[in-house]
């Protein structure tokens, strides 16, 4: 196939519009990693990817239930609520 060689002085992967390590870059990256953690939790902890369901509505419903549970877990963790106390 066709190969395109890039010079280090104009490689967009190295020289991005937002400089790496800047405050704005860190904020954007923090948001991205947060989204990745939530997606991982929905797919793996709640086993959404292995459910035997068909149809967009059912899949969306189960994803919404998992999202509500994740939100409730965060609220419980923030307020220190426990059933045992």
Protein backbone atom coordinates (compact mmCIF):
# COMPACT_ATOMS: atom_id res chain seq x y z
CA UNK A 1 0.00 0.00 0.00
CA UNK A 2 0.86 3.64 -0.09
CA UNK A 3 3.16 4.92 2.63
CA UNK A 4 3.34 8.54 3.72
CA UNK A 5 6.32 9.57 5.80
CA UNK A 6 5.86 12.45 8.22
CA UNK A 7 8.54 14.82 9.35
CA UNK A 8 8.79 15.33 13.11
CA UNK A 9 8.42 19.10 12.69
CA UNK A 10 4.86 18.83 11.30
CA UNK A 11 3.60 15.53 12.74
CA UNK A 12 0.12 16.31 14.12
CA UNK A 13 0.33 13.44 16.58
CA UNK A 14 3.31 15.12 18.26
CA UNK A 15 2.34 18.77 17.81
CA UNK A 16 -1.36 18.99 18.63
CA UNK A 17 -3.51 22.14 18.61
CA UNK A 18 -3.69 21.99 22.40
CA UNK A 19 -0.17 21.51 23.81
CA UNK A 20 0.32 18.30 25.77
CA UNK A 21 0.73 18.86 29.47
CA UNK A 22 -1.18 22.15 29.45
CA UNK A 23 -4.06 22.73 31.85
CA UNK A 24 -6.63 22.55 29.04
CA UNK A 25 -5.16 19.26 27.78
CA UNK A 26 -5.28 17.74 31.27
CA UNK A 27 -8.94 18.76 31.69
CA UNK A 28 -9.90 17.19 28.36
CA UNK A 29 -7.92 14.03 29.14
CA UNK A 30 -9.50 13.78 32.59
CA UNK A 31 -12.96 13.89 31.01
CA UNK A 32 -11.98 11.21 28.52
CA UNK A 33 -10.63 8.84 31.17
CA UNK A 34 -13.78 9.36 33.25
CA UNK A 35 -15.91 8.36 30.26
CA UNK A 36 -13.74 5.32 29.64
CA UNK A 37 -14.11 4.20 33.28
CA UNK A 38 -17.89 4.49 33.07
CA UNK A 39 -18.02 2.60 29.76
CA UNK A 40 -15.82 -0.12 31.23
CA UNK A 41 -18.05 -0.40 34.27
CA UNK A 42 -21.23 -0.64 32.18
CA UNK A 43 -19.78 -3.27 29.85
CA UNK A 44 -17.85 -5.41 32.34
CA UNK A 45 -19.34 -4.98 35.83
CA UNK A 46 -22.94 -5.06 34.66
CA UNK A 47 -22.21 -7.51 31.81
CA UNK A 48 -24.15 -5.50 29.23
CA UNK A 49 -22.07 -6.95 26.39
CA UNK A 50 -22.96 -10.55 27.29
CA UNK A 51 -26.72 -10.16 27.78
CA UNK A 52 -28.94 -12.28 25.57
CA UNK A 53 -31.13 -9.38 24.45
CA UNK A 54 -32.05 -8.15 21.00
CA UNK A 55 -33.32 -4.78 19.99
CA UNK A 56 -32.24 -1.24 20.56
CA UNK A 57 -34.96 -0.47 23.11
CA UNK A 58 -34.08 -3.35 25.45
CA UNK A 59 -30.37 -2.72 25.12
CA UNK A 60 -30.91 0.98 25.87
CA UNK A 61 -33.10 0.13 28.87
CA UNK A 62 -30.49 -2.17 30.40
CA UNK A 63 -27.77 0.41 29.79
CA UNK A 64 -29.91 3.06 31.51
CA UNK A 65 -30.47 0.79 34.53
CA UNK A 66 -26.70 0.20 34.78
CA UNK A 67 -26.08 3.95 34.52
CA UNK A 68 -28.57 4.66 37.31
CA UNK A 69 -26.85 2.06 39.51
CA UNK A 70 -23.46 3.64 38.85
CA UNK A 71 -24.88 7.05 39.78
CA UNK A 72 -26.39 5.64 42.99
CA UNK A 73 -23.08 3.99 43.89
CA UNK A 74 -21.33 7.35 43.52
CA UNK A 75 -23.95 9.10 45.69
CA UNK A 76 -23.67 6.45 48.40
CA UNK A 77 -19.89 6.73 48.35
CA UNK A 78 -20.05 10.55 48.56
CA UNK A 79 -22.46 10.63 51.50
CA UNK A 80 -21.05 7.61 53.33
CA UNK A 81 -24.42 5.84 53.57
CA UNK A 82 -24.46 2.26 54.77
CA UNK A 83 -27.36 -0.16 55.28
CA UNK A 84 -25.57 -1.71 58.25
CA UNK A 85 -25.41 1.53 60.28
